[in-house]
Amino acid sequence: MPPSARQIWLALGGEIVGSERLNPQPLSSFAVDSRQVEPGGMFVALPGTRTEGYLFMEDARRHGATTILTYADLPELPGSRLQLDKPLPIGALARPYIFLVEDSLAALQKLAAFWRRQFELRVVAITGSVGKTTTKELTAAVLRQRFRVLKSEQNYNNEIGLPLTLLQLAEEHQVAVLEMGTYGPGEITSLAAMASPQVGIVTNVGPTHLERMGSLDRIAAAKAELVRALPANGLAILNGDDPLVAAMAAQSAAPVMTYGLAAENDLWADEIASAGLEGIRFTFHYQDEVIPVRIPLLGQHSVHTALRSAAVGLSYGLDWGEIAAGLQDTTAQLRLVAVPGIGGSTIIDDTYNASPASVLAALNLLAELDGRHIAVLGDMLELGDYEEKGHRLVGARAAAVTQLLVAVGQRARWIAEEAMAQGMPEDRVVLLNAAMEASEFLRERLRPGDVLLVKGSRAMALERVVDDLSGVEAY
């Protein structure tokens, strides 16, 4: 169960005299958005670039918050003000308890680290340029075959989301599976200090966030912070097919297990065959064992996801029957799903985000499917100096895979230009400015048997294309 207001106060360095001070009952939840506060929960007010979190303290109270952690105050808000450098007020304390601190984010992280230390459990941490969330979901599914698992929800992988996940830890949990992202040096080191992982997975190193990070070497150095944080009795699970990831083995005090498609890896796969929208077949190889499997995930890149999850299962002593059962979990396919489209078409919805590597993987999946291939591809953001090259790589592959290409956005013009430069007829390439223009263009053109891939960075809002073109047409 989550910590109580009393435990929070002690964790932050406060003192309590007398057993009746502060509520000893566990809080129901933690939230940084006042609209997500649950009755009996805690609201953490954070400073922001567009608004200030403390301005929503009253809204949090109306939603049932009994404890508030804030860096500023609303004098008119009823409740007991508690400051670390002052004694608790004499007499009865009125809720909500309002904990006043200089830095509410630092306090949240300190509290999360304290709460993590209350539990003897194993922690798996996952980082990499792409594939973190699907790996987290599939790894949790595998481990659930034997253990009670806590996993980070959605993409709670940063300095705010990870502490919120750790505060959900309870006595029932035996393993936590956590995603760790980064925009710069030192961030994963900080996350690892809070979570204390024993197992670390690095999926790959690619140009995602290159605009902020500056170079692939700097991205690799940031991801390697997880490897360096592992204890000597832990395990680093590294993508042996990615040279930048494989090189991290030299930085690990923990033993290393590599995975990939090459036979030189500790765990590897071959005999890969697409089953279309039904998933993919392949064969695991581990030591002297040869295990054929089929999983419901889409695309050949999903083999690497399965390898990562299987490696964790093996490291925790699961047998191949348990691992195979976990790999069948269809809920792990979060970001690349097939939905019915209008006119008898099928839509491959991969709109969560986009990088050159993930778009190329999605186009490779499209190539495996029967039907006329159509792609709506939007801008890929934060690529820095790799921006034009990354878009042109996608355009070249789109020319080889699709029969109709719809490019959306200013940067996507490079996709369109390169597709035509590679020989795709101009009348099969369309360049548009916005998502709804794409859905309007395609609404009268989709027909039975068409397979439509939709993918782009989140800022392009291409999920609107999926929403508009999926399901039954309105009469």
Protein backbone atom coordinates (compact mmCIF):
# COMPACT_ATOMS: atom_id res chain seq x y z
CA MET A 1 0.00 0.00 0.00
CA PRO A 2 1.19 3.60 -0.59
CA PRO A 3 2.81 5.61 2.21
CA SER A 4 0.83 7.61 4.73
CA ALA A 5 1.05 11.34 5.42
CA ARG A 6 3.03 10.47 8.55
CA GLN A 7 5.57 8.42 6.58
CA ILE A 8 5.87 11.16 3.97
CA TRP A 9 6.64 13.75 6.60
CA LEU A 10 9.33 11.57 8.13
CA ALA A 11 10.78 10.70 4.71
CA LEU A 12 11.16 14.39 3.88
CA GLY A 13 13.06 15.02 7.11
CA GLY A 14 10.28 16.27 9.36
CA GLU A 15 10.01 15.41 13.05
CA ILE A 16 6.97 14.14 14.93
CA VAL A 17 6.43 14.29 18.69
CA GLY A 18 3.45 12.29 19.85
CA SER A 19 1.76 9.38 18.15
CA GLU A 20 -1.41 11.22 17.21
CA ARG A 21 0.17 13.71 14.84
CA LEU A 22 -0.63 13.25 11.14
CA ASN A 23 -2.83 10.57 9.66
CA PRO A 24 -1.17 7.11 9.74
CA GLN A 25 -3.53 5.70 7.12
CA PRO A 26 -2.01 5.00 3.67
CA LEU A 27 -2.84 7.50 0.98
CA SER A 28 -4.97 6.19 -1.87
CA SER A 29 -2.88 7.62 -4.73
CA PHE A 30 -0.50 10.32 -5.95
CA ALA A 31 -1.08 12.79 -8.78
CA VAL A 32 0.54 15.85 -10.32
CA ASP A 33 -2.66 16.71 -12.20
CA SER A 34 -5.45 17.91 -9.92
CA ARG A 35 -8.05 16.32 -12.21
CA GLN A 36 -6.54 12.90 -11.51
CA VAL A 37 -6.62 13.19 -7.73
CA GLU A 38 -8.58 10.43 -6.01
CA PRO A 39 -10.35 10.78 -2.64
CA GLY A 40 -7.81 10.23 0.11
CA GLY A 41 -4.90 10.90 -2.23
CA MET A 42 -1.98 13.30 -2.44
CA PHE A 43 -1.57 16.14 -4.93
CA VAL A 44 1.96 17.21 -5.83
CA ALA A 45 2.03 20.79 -7.10
CA LEU A 46 4.87 21.29 -9.56
CA PRO A 47 6.13 24.46 -11.24
CA GLY A 48 5.51 24.58 -14.97
CA THR A 49 6.33 26.56 -18.08
CA ARG A 50 2.70 27.44 -18.86
CA THR A 51 1.11 27.48 -15.41
CA GLU A 52 1.92 26.91 -11.76
CA GLY A 53 0.83 23.74 -10.02
CA TYR A 54 0.03 25.42 -6.72
CA LEU A 55 -2.83 27.29 -8.42
CA PHE A 56 -4.67 23.95 -8.63
CA MET A 57 -4.43 23.07 -4.93
CA GLU A 58 -8.05 24.03 -4.29
CA ASP A 59 -9.18 21.94 -7.24
CA ALA A 60 -7.19 19.01 -5.85
CA ARG A 61 -8.88 19.45 -2.47
CA ARG A 62 -12.30 19.42 -4.13
CA HIS A 63 -11.34 16.14 -5.80
CA GLY A 64 -10.60 14.64 -2.38
CA ALA A 65 -6.89 15.27 -1.77
CA THR A 66 -6.08 14.90 1.93
CA THR A 67 -2.39 15.77 1.53
CA ILE A 68 -0.71 18.35 -0.72
CA LEU A 69 3.00 18.74 -1.45
CA THR A 70 3.75 22.22 -2.77
CA TYR A 71 6.47 24.78 -3.31
CA ALA A 72 4.06 27.72 -2.85
CA ASP A 73 0.89 28.38 -0.92
CA LEU A 74 -2.68 29.59 -1.35
CA PRO A 75 -3.39 31.37 1.97
CA GLU A 76 -7.15 31.04 1.58
CA LEU A 77 -7.00 27.24 1.25
CA PRO A 78 -8.10 25.55 4.50
CA GLY A 79 -5.73 23.01 6.03
CA SER A 80 -2.60 22.66 8.17
CA ARG A 81 0.59 24.26 6.82
CA LEU A 82 3.60 22.09 7.64
CA GLN A 83 7.15 23.28 6.97
CA LEU A 84 10.22 21.13 7.46
CA ASP A 85 12.09 23.82 9.37
CA LYS A 86 9.22 24.43 11.80
CA PRO A 87 7.61 22.22 14.48
CA LEU A 88 4.18 20.77 13.91
CA PRO A 89 1.37 23.06 15.12
CA ILE A 90 -0.01 22.43 18.58
CA GLY A 91 -3.44 20.88 18.78
CA ALA A 92 -5.53 19.09 16.20
CA LEU A 93 -4.33 19.11 12.61
CA ALA A 94 -6.85 19.95 9.92
CA ARG A 95 -6.75 18.25 6.54
CA PRO A 96 -5.63 18.66 3.91
CA TYR A 97 -2.09 18.61 5.23
CA ILE A 98 -0.16 21.10 3.13
CA PHE A 99 3.56 20.25 3.09
CA LEU A 100 5.51 23.35 2.12
CA VAL A 101 8.95 22.68 0.60
CA GLU A 102 11.41 24.68 -1.48
CA ASP A 103 11.45 22.22 -4.39
CA SER A 104 8.39 19.98 -4.75
CA LEU A 105 9.90 17.88 -7.56
CA ALA A 106 13.02 17.15 -5.50
CA ALA A 107 10.79 16.29 -2.54
CA LEU A 108 8.72 13.92 -4.70
CA GLN A 109 11.88 12.17 -5.86
CA LYS A 110 13.26 11.95 -2.32
CA LEU A 111 9.99 10.43 -1.16
CA ALA A 112 10.00 7.89 -4.02
CA ALA A 113 13.56 6.81 -3.21
CA PHE A 114 12.62 6.42 0.45
CA TRP A 115 9.57 4.32 -0.41
CA ARG A 116 11.54 2.11 -2.81
CA ARG A 117 13.98 1.30 0.01
CA GLN A 118 11.15 -0.07 2.15
CA PHE A 119 10.78 -3.11 -0.10
CA GLU A 120 12.95 -6.12 -0.87
CA LEU A 121 11.99 -6.60 -4.48
CA ARG A 122 13.67 -7.01 -7.83
CA VAL A 123 13.60 -4.11 -10.29
CA VAL A 124 13.98 -4.32 -14.07
CA ALA A 125 14.77 -1.02 -15.80
CA ILE A 126 14.49 -0.47 -19.55
CA THR A 127 15.99 2.30 -21.66
CA GLY A 128 16.79 2.88 -25.32
CA SER A 129 15.85 5.08 -28.25
CA VAL A 130 12.83 3.03 -29.37
CA GLY A 131 10.94 0.02 -28.08
CA LYS A 132 10.97 0.83 -24.36
CA THR A 133 7.25 0.76 -23.70
CA THR A 134 6.45 -2.39 -25.67
CA THR A 135 9.43 -4.11 -24.01
CA LYS A 136 8.14 -3.02 -20.60
CA GLU A 137 4.68 -4.39 -21.32
CA LEU A 138 5.90 -7.72 -22.70
CA THR A 139 8.49 -8.17 -19.96
CA ALA A 140 5.84 -7.57 -17.31
CA ALA A 141 3.59 -10.10 -19.07
CA VAL A 142 6.36 -12.72 -18.96
CA LEU A 143 7.20 -12.10 -15.31
CA ARG A 144 3.53 -12.20 -14.32
CA GLN A 145 3.57 -15.90 -15.11
CA ARG A 146 5.32 -16.42 -11.76
CA PHE A 147 5.57 -13.11 -9.91
CA ARG A 148 3.34 -10.27 -8.74
CA VAL A 149 4.49 -7.35 -10.89
CA LEU A 150 4.27 -3.58 -10.73
CA LYS A 151 4.96 -1.81 -14.03
CA SER A 152 5.14 1.84 -14.94
CA GLU A 153 1.92 2.96 -16.59
CA GLN A 154 1.71 4.64 -19.98
CA ASN A 155 5.07 6.28 -20.65
CA TYR A 156 5.83 7.21 -17.03
CA ASN A 157 9.56 7.14 -17.69
CA ASN A 158 10.90 10.51 -16.56
CA GLU A 159 11.76 12.46 -13.41
CA ILE A 160 8.05 12.86 -12.61
CA GLY A 161 6.49 9.64 -13.89
CA LEU A 162 9.00 7.23 -12.36
CA PRO A 163 8.58 8.55 -8.79
CA LEU A 164 4.80 8.31 -9.16
CA THR A 165 5.22 4.67 -10.18
CA LEU A 166 7.53 3.85 -7.27
CA LEU A 167 4.98 5.31 -4.84
CA GLN A 168 2.55 2.60 -5.95
CA LEU A 169 4.79 -0.12 -4.51
CA ALA A 170 3.09 -2.39 -1.98
CA GLU A 171 3.96 -5.50 0.00
CA GLU A 172 2.29 -7.67 -2.64
CA HIS A 173 4.80 -6.73 -5.36
CA GLN A 174 7.75 -9.03 -6.03
CA VAL A 175 9.11 -7.37 -9.19
CA ALA A 176 8.86 -3.88 -10.68
CA VAL A 177 9.36 -3.27 -14.41
CA LEU A 178 10.21 0.36 -15.09
CA GLU A 179 10.82 2.40 -18.21
CA MET A 180 13.53 5.08 -18.15
CA GLY A 181 13.81 7.86 -20.71
CA THR A 182 16.26 10.71 -21.03
CA TYR A 183 16.69 14.07 -22.70
CA GLY A 184 20.20 14.67 -21.45
CA PRO A 185 23.18 13.45 -19.41
CA GLY A 186 22.64 12.54 -15.79
CA GLU A 187 18.90 11.90 -16.01
CA ILE A 188 19.05 8.09 -16.07
CA THR A 189 21.64 8.18 -13.29
CA SER A 190 19.09 10.08 -11.20
CA LEU A 191 16.26 7.70 -12.09
CA ALA A 192 18.40 4.66 -11.31
CA ALA A 193 19.37 6.15 -7.94
CA MET A 194 15.67 6.29 -7.06
CA ALA A 195 14.73 2.84 -8.39
CA SER A 196 17.87 0.80 -7.59
CA PRO A 197 17.44 -1.67 -10.49
CA GLN A 198 19.22 -5.02 -10.50
CA VAL A 199 18.48 -5.77 -14.17
CA GLY A 200 18.96 -3.22 -16.93
CA ILE A 201 17.89 -3.56 -20.58
CA VAL A 202 19.16 -1.30 -23.37
CA THR A 203 17.07 -1.69 -26.53
CA ASN A 204 19.04 0.37 -29.07
CA VAL A 205 20.64 3.73 -29.79
CA GLY A 206 19.14 5.86 -32.56
CA PRO A 207 18.64 9.50 -33.53
CA THR A 208 15.55 10.01 -31.35
CA HIS A 209 15.95 13.35 -29.49
CA LEU A 210 19.14 14.01 -31.47
CA GLU A 211 18.23 17.69 -31.61
CA ARG A 212 18.54 17.90 -27.82
CA MET A 213 21.35 15.36 -27.34
CA GLY A 214 23.66 16.49 -30.14
CA SER A 215 25.12 13.20 -31.38
CA LEU A 216 24.60 9.44 -31.34
CA ASP A 217 27.64 9.07 -29.09
CA ARG A 218 26.05 11.38 -26.53
CA ILE A 219 22.78 9.44 -26.74
CA ALA A 220 24.72 6.21 -26.19
CA ALA A 221 26.52 7.72 -23.21
CA ALA A 222 23.20 8.75 -21.67
CA LYS A 223 21.69 5.27 -22.15
CA ALA A 224 24.84 3.67 -20.72
CA GLU A 225 24.15 5.39 -17.41
CA LEU A 226 21.72 2.56 -16.67
CA VAL A 227 24.41 -0.04 -17.30
CA ARG A 228 26.86 1.76 -15.02
CA ALA A 229 24.24 1.96 -12.26
CA LEU A 230 23.74 -1.81 -12.02
CA PRO A 231 25.19 -3.64 -9.01
CA ALA A 232 27.83 -6.33 -9.41
CA ASN A 233 25.26 -9.01 -8.65
CA GLY A 234 22.83 -7.63 -11.23
CA LEU A 235 22.52 -8.23 -14.98
CA ALA A 236 22.89 -6.02 -18.07
CA ILE A 237 20.80 -7.23 -21.03
CA LEU A 238 22.24 -5.62 -24.16
CA ASN A 239 21.31 -5.59 -27.83
CA GLY A 240 24.27 -7.36 -29.41
CA ASP A 241 23.10 -6.36 -32.89
CA ASP A 242 23.60 -2.66 -32.11
CA PRO A 243 27.33 -1.81 -31.90
CA LEU A 244 26.73 1.23 -29.69
CA VAL A 245 24.76 -0.87 -27.22
CA ALA A 246 27.09 -3.88 -27.36
CA ALA A 247 30.01 -1.61 -26.48
CA MET A 248 28.31 -0.76 -23.17
CA ALA A 249 29.34 -4.19 -21.85
CA ALA A 250 32.74 -2.72 -21.00
CA GLN A 251 31.05 -0.23 -18.63
CA SER A 252 29.10 -2.81 -16.64
CA ALA A 253 30.12 -4.06 -13.22
CA ALA A 254 27.32 -6.61 -13.60
CA PRO A 255 27.40 -9.71 -15.81
CA VAL A 256 26.21 -9.11 -19.38
CA MET A 257 23.73 -11.09 -21.45
CA THR A 258 23.48 -10.17 -25.15
CA TYR A 259 20.54 -10.81 -27.44
CA GLY A 260 19.88 -10.36 -31.14
CA LEU A 261 19.65 -12.08 -34.50
CA ALA A 262 23.32 -12.97 -34.77
CA ALA A 263 24.39 -16.38 -33.48
CA GLU A 264 27.22 -14.78 -31.49
CA ASN A 265 24.67 -13.46 -28.96
CA ASP A 266 23.86 -15.35 -25.76
CA LEU A 267 20.19 -15.47 -26.76
CA TRP A 268 19.36 -15.23 -30.44
CA ALA A 269 16.62 -15.89 -32.96
CA ASP A 270 16.35 -17.06 -36.55
CA GLU A 271 13.84 -18.65 -38.96
CA ILE A 272 11.76 -15.47 -38.77
CA ALA A 273 8.53 -15.61 -40.77
CA SER A 274 5.63 -13.18 -40.83
CA ALA A 275 2.12 -14.41 -40.09
CA GLY A 276 0.72 -11.09 -41.31
CA LEU A 277 -1.75 -9.53 -38.90
CA GLU A 278 -1.67 -12.72 -36.84
CA GLY A 279 1.85 -12.01 -35.62
CA ILE A 280 5.25 -13.49 -36.31
CA ARG A 281 7.03 -16.87 -36.05
CA PHE A 282 10.68 -17.46 -35.18
CA THR A 283 13.02 -19.77 -33.27
CA PHE A 284 14.83 -18.97 -30.02
CA HIS A 285 18.35 -20.29 -29.44
CA TYR A 286 19.78 -20.32 -25.92
CA GLN A 287 22.76 -22.45 -24.97
CA ASP A 288 21.78 -25.90 -26.31
CA GLU A 289 18.05 -25.17 -26.42
CA VAL A 290 16.07 -24.53 -29.62
CA ILE A 291 12.53 -23.22 -29.06
CA PRO A 292 10.11 -22.37 -31.91
CA VAL A 293 7.45 -19.79 -31.00
CA ARG A 294 4.76 -17.60 -32.49
CA ILE A 295 3.82 -14.30 -30.89
CA PRO A 296 0.89 -11.98 -31.64
CA LEU A 297 3.07 -8.86 -32.01
CA LEU A 298 3.30 -7.24 -35.44
CA GLY A 299 6.47 -6.75 -37.46
CA GLN A 300 9.89 -8.38 -37.55
CA HIS A 301 11.25 -5.77 -35.14
CA SER A 302 9.03 -7.45 -32.52
CA VAL A 303 11.50 -10.35 -32.45
CA HIS A 304 13.96 -8.11 -30.60
CA THR A 305 11.20 -7.18 -28.14
CA ALA A 306 10.53 -10.86 -27.51
CA LEU A 307 14.24 -11.57 -27.09
CA ARG A 308 14.57 -8.88 -24.44
CA SER A 309 11.56 -10.13 -22.50
CA ALA A 310 12.67 -13.75 -22.75
CA ALA A 311 16.13 -12.79 -21.48
CA VAL A 312 14.59 -11.29 -18.35
CA GLY A 313 12.46 -14.38 -17.86
CA LEU A 314 15.50 -16.65 -18.14
CA SER A 315 17.46 -14.50 -15.70
CA TYR A 316 14.64 -14.90 -13.15
CA GLY A 317 14.48 -18.66 -13.55
CA LEU A 318 11.31 -18.98 -15.64
CA ASP A 319 11.03 -22.02 -17.87
CA TRP A 320 10.28 -21.80 -21.57
CA GLY A 321 6.63 -22.73 -21.02
CA GLU A 322 6.15 -19.72 -18.75
CA ILE A 323 8.08 -17.44 -21.11
CA ALA A 324 6.07 -18.57 -24.13
CA ALA A 325 2.81 -18.03 -22.22
CA GLY A 326 3.82 -14.48 -21.33
CA LEU A 327 4.81 -13.70 -24.90
CA GLN A 328 1.23 -14.45 -25.97
CA ASP A 329 -0.10 -11.43 -24.10
CA THR A 330 -1.86 -9.33 -26.73
CA THR A 331 -2.05 -6.26 -24.47
CA ALA A 332 1.70 -5.70 -24.99
CA GLN A 333 0.98 -4.52 -28.55
CA LEU A 334 0.32 -0.93 -27.56
CA ARG A 335 1.59 1.24 -30.35
CA LEU A 336 1.24 -0.69 -33.55
CA VAL A 337 -2.22 -2.20 -33.87
CA ALA A 338 -4.50 -3.15 -36.73
CA VAL A 339 -8.02 -1.69 -36.78
CA PRO A 340 -10.81 -1.95 -39.38
CA GLY A 341 -10.94 0.99 -41.75
CA ILE A 342 -13.72 2.39 -43.89
CA GLY A 343 -14.41 0.89 -47.29
CA GLY A 344 -13.20 -2.57 -46.24
CA SER A 345 -9.65 -1.39 -45.59
CA THR A 346 -7.32 -2.17 -42.70
CA ILE A 347 -5.48 0.57 -40.78
CA ILE A 348 -2.13 -0.03 -39.10
CA ASP A 349 -2.24 2.51 -36.29
CA ASP A 350 1.31 3.42 -35.20
CA THR A 351 0.67 7.04 -34.37
CA TYR A 352 2.17 7.22 -30.90
CA ASN A 353 5.50 8.67 -32.07
CA ALA A 354 8.06 8.34 -34.82
CA SER A 355 11.78 8.09 -35.48
CA PRO A 356 13.50 6.92 -38.68
CA ALA A 357 14.11 3.46 -37.19
CA SER A 358 10.53 2.98 -36.03
CA VAL A 359 9.05 4.24 -39.33
CA LEU A 360 11.31 1.92 -41.33
CA ALA A 361 10.19 -0.97 -39.10
CA ALA A 362 6.54 -0.07 -39.69
CA LEU A 363 7.10 0.12 -43.45
CA ASN A 364 8.76 -3.30 -43.34
CA LEU A 365 5.64 -4.65 -41.66
CA LEU A 366 3.48 -3.05 -44.34
CA ALA A 367 5.57 -4.81 -46.99
CA GLU A 368 4.73 -8.17 -45.38
CA LEU A 369 0.96 -7.72 -45.71
CA ASP A 370 -1.32 -8.51 -48.62
CA GLY A 371 -3.24 -5.73 -50.35
CA ARG A 372 -2.62 -2.27 -51.77
CA HIS A 373 -0.13 -0.49 -49.50
CA ILE A 374 -0.88 3.11 -48.52
CA ALA A 375 1.09 5.15 -45.99
CA VAL A 376 0.36 8.43 -44.24
CA LEU A 377 3.72 9.57 -42.89
CA GLY A 378 4.19 12.75 -40.89
CA ASP A 379 7.10 14.85 -39.70
CA MET A 380 9.64 13.21 -37.40
CA LEU A 381 10.79 15.72 -34.81
CA GLU A 382 13.91 16.30 -32.70
CA LEU A 383 16.32 14.74 -35.21
CA GLY A 384 18.78 17.63 -35.24
CA ASP A 385 21.38 17.39 -38.02
CA TYR A 386 19.95 13.98 -38.96
CA GLU A 387 16.60 15.54 -39.88
CA GLU A 388 16.81 15.60 -43.68
CA LYS A 389 18.74 12.33 -43.96
CA GLY A 390 16.29 10.53 -41.67
CA HIS A 391 13.26 11.68 -43.65
CA ARG A 392 14.90 10.78 -46.96
CA LEU A 393 15.73 7.26 -45.71
CA VAL A 394 12.05 6.83 -44.93
CA GLY A 395 11.07 8.21 -48.35
CA ALA A 396 13.32 5.73 -50.15
CA ARG A 397 11.79 2.81 -48.28
CA ALA A 398 8.26 4.14 -48.81
CA ALA A 399 8.90 4.21 -52.56
CA ALA A 400 9.75 0.50 -52.48
CA VAL A 401 6.84 -0.51 -50.26
CA THR A 402 3.80 1.67 -50.99
CA GLN A 403 1.50 2.21 -53.92
CA LEU A 404 0.20 5.50 -52.51
CA LEU A 405 2.16 7.83 -50.22
CA VAL A 406 0.64 10.73 -48.29
CA ALA A 407 3.28 12.92 -46.61
CA VAL A 408 2.04 15.33 -43.94
CA GLY A 409 4.04 18.31 -42.70
CA GLN A 410 6.90 20.59 -43.60
CA ARG A 411 9.65 18.06 -42.95
CA ALA A 412 7.71 15.28 -44.64
CA ARG A 413 8.35 17.00 -47.96
CA TRP A 414 11.74 15.25 -47.86
CA ILE A 415 9.91 11.92 -47.62
CA ALA A 416 7.86 12.83 -50.69
CA GLU A 417 10.83 14.20 -52.62
CA GLU A 418 12.97 11.14 -51.97
CA ALA A 419 10.17 8.74 -52.85
CA MET A 420 9.82 10.40 -56.26
CA ALA A 421 13.61 10.54 -56.66
CA GLN A 422 13.60 6.77 -56.19
CA GLY A 423 11.14 6.38 -59.06
CA MET A 424 7.73 6.57 -57.40
CA PRO A 425 5.31 8.22 -59.88
CA GLU A 426 4.31 11.77 -58.95
CA ASP A 427 0.61 10.94 -59.17
CA ARG A 428 1.06 8.46 -56.31
CA VAL A 429 2.74 10.94 -53.96
CA VAL A 430 0.73 13.60 -52.12
CA LEU A 431 2.13 16.30 -49.83
CA LEU A 432 -0.31 17.85 -47.35
CA ASN A 433 -0.10 20.19 -44.38
CA ALA A 434 -2.33 18.67 -41.71
CA ALA A 435 -3.82 15.39 -40.48
CA MET A 436 -7.41 16.18 -41.45
CA GLU A 437 -6.35 16.98 -45.00
CA ALA A 438 -4.96 13.46 -45.19
CA SER A 439 -8.16 11.84 -43.95
CA GLU A 440 -10.25 13.93 -46.36
CA PHE A 441 -8.00 12.91 -49.24
CA LEU A 442 -8.21 9.22 -48.38
CA ARG A 443 -11.87 9.02 -47.42
CA GLU A 444 -13.02 8.55 -51.02
CA ARG A 445 -10.00 6.50 -52.06
CA LEU A 446 -9.85 3.61 -49.59
CA ARG A 447 -11.24 0.38 -50.95
CA PRO A 448 -11.54 -3.27 -49.87
CA GLY A 449 -8.19 -4.94 -49.26
CA ASP A 450 -6.23 -1.72 -48.80
CA VAL A 451 -3.75 -1.60 -45.92
CA LEU A 452 -3.11 1.89 -44.58
CA LEU A 453 -0.14 2.67 -42.33
CA VAL A 454 -0.40 5.89 -40.29
CA LYS A 455 2.71 7.11 -38.46
CA GLY A 456 4.35 10.36 -37.38
CA SER A 457 5.56 12.29 -34.37
CA ARG A 458 2.96 13.01 -31.70
CA ALA A 459 2.87 16.71 -32.54
CA MET A 460 1.44 15.85 -35.96
CA ALA A 461 -1.75 14.47 -34.35
CA LEU A 462 -2.09 11.74 -36.97
CA GLU A 463 -4.31 9.77 -34.60
CA ARG A 464 -7.04 11.98 -36.04
CA VAL A 465 -6.58 10.22 -39.37
CA VAL A 466 -7.11 6.86 -37.67
CA ASP A 467 -10.14 8.11 -35.75
CA ASP A 468 -11.68 9.60 -38.88
CA LEU A 469 -11.07 6.62 -41.17
CA SER A 470 -11.68 3.70 -38.80
CA GLY A 471 -14.94 1.93 -38.03
CA VAL A 472 -18.20 2.10 -39.94
CA GLU A 473 -18.89 4.98 -42.27
CA ALA A 474 -21.61 7.36 -41.19
CA TYR A 475 -24.81 7.26 -43.21
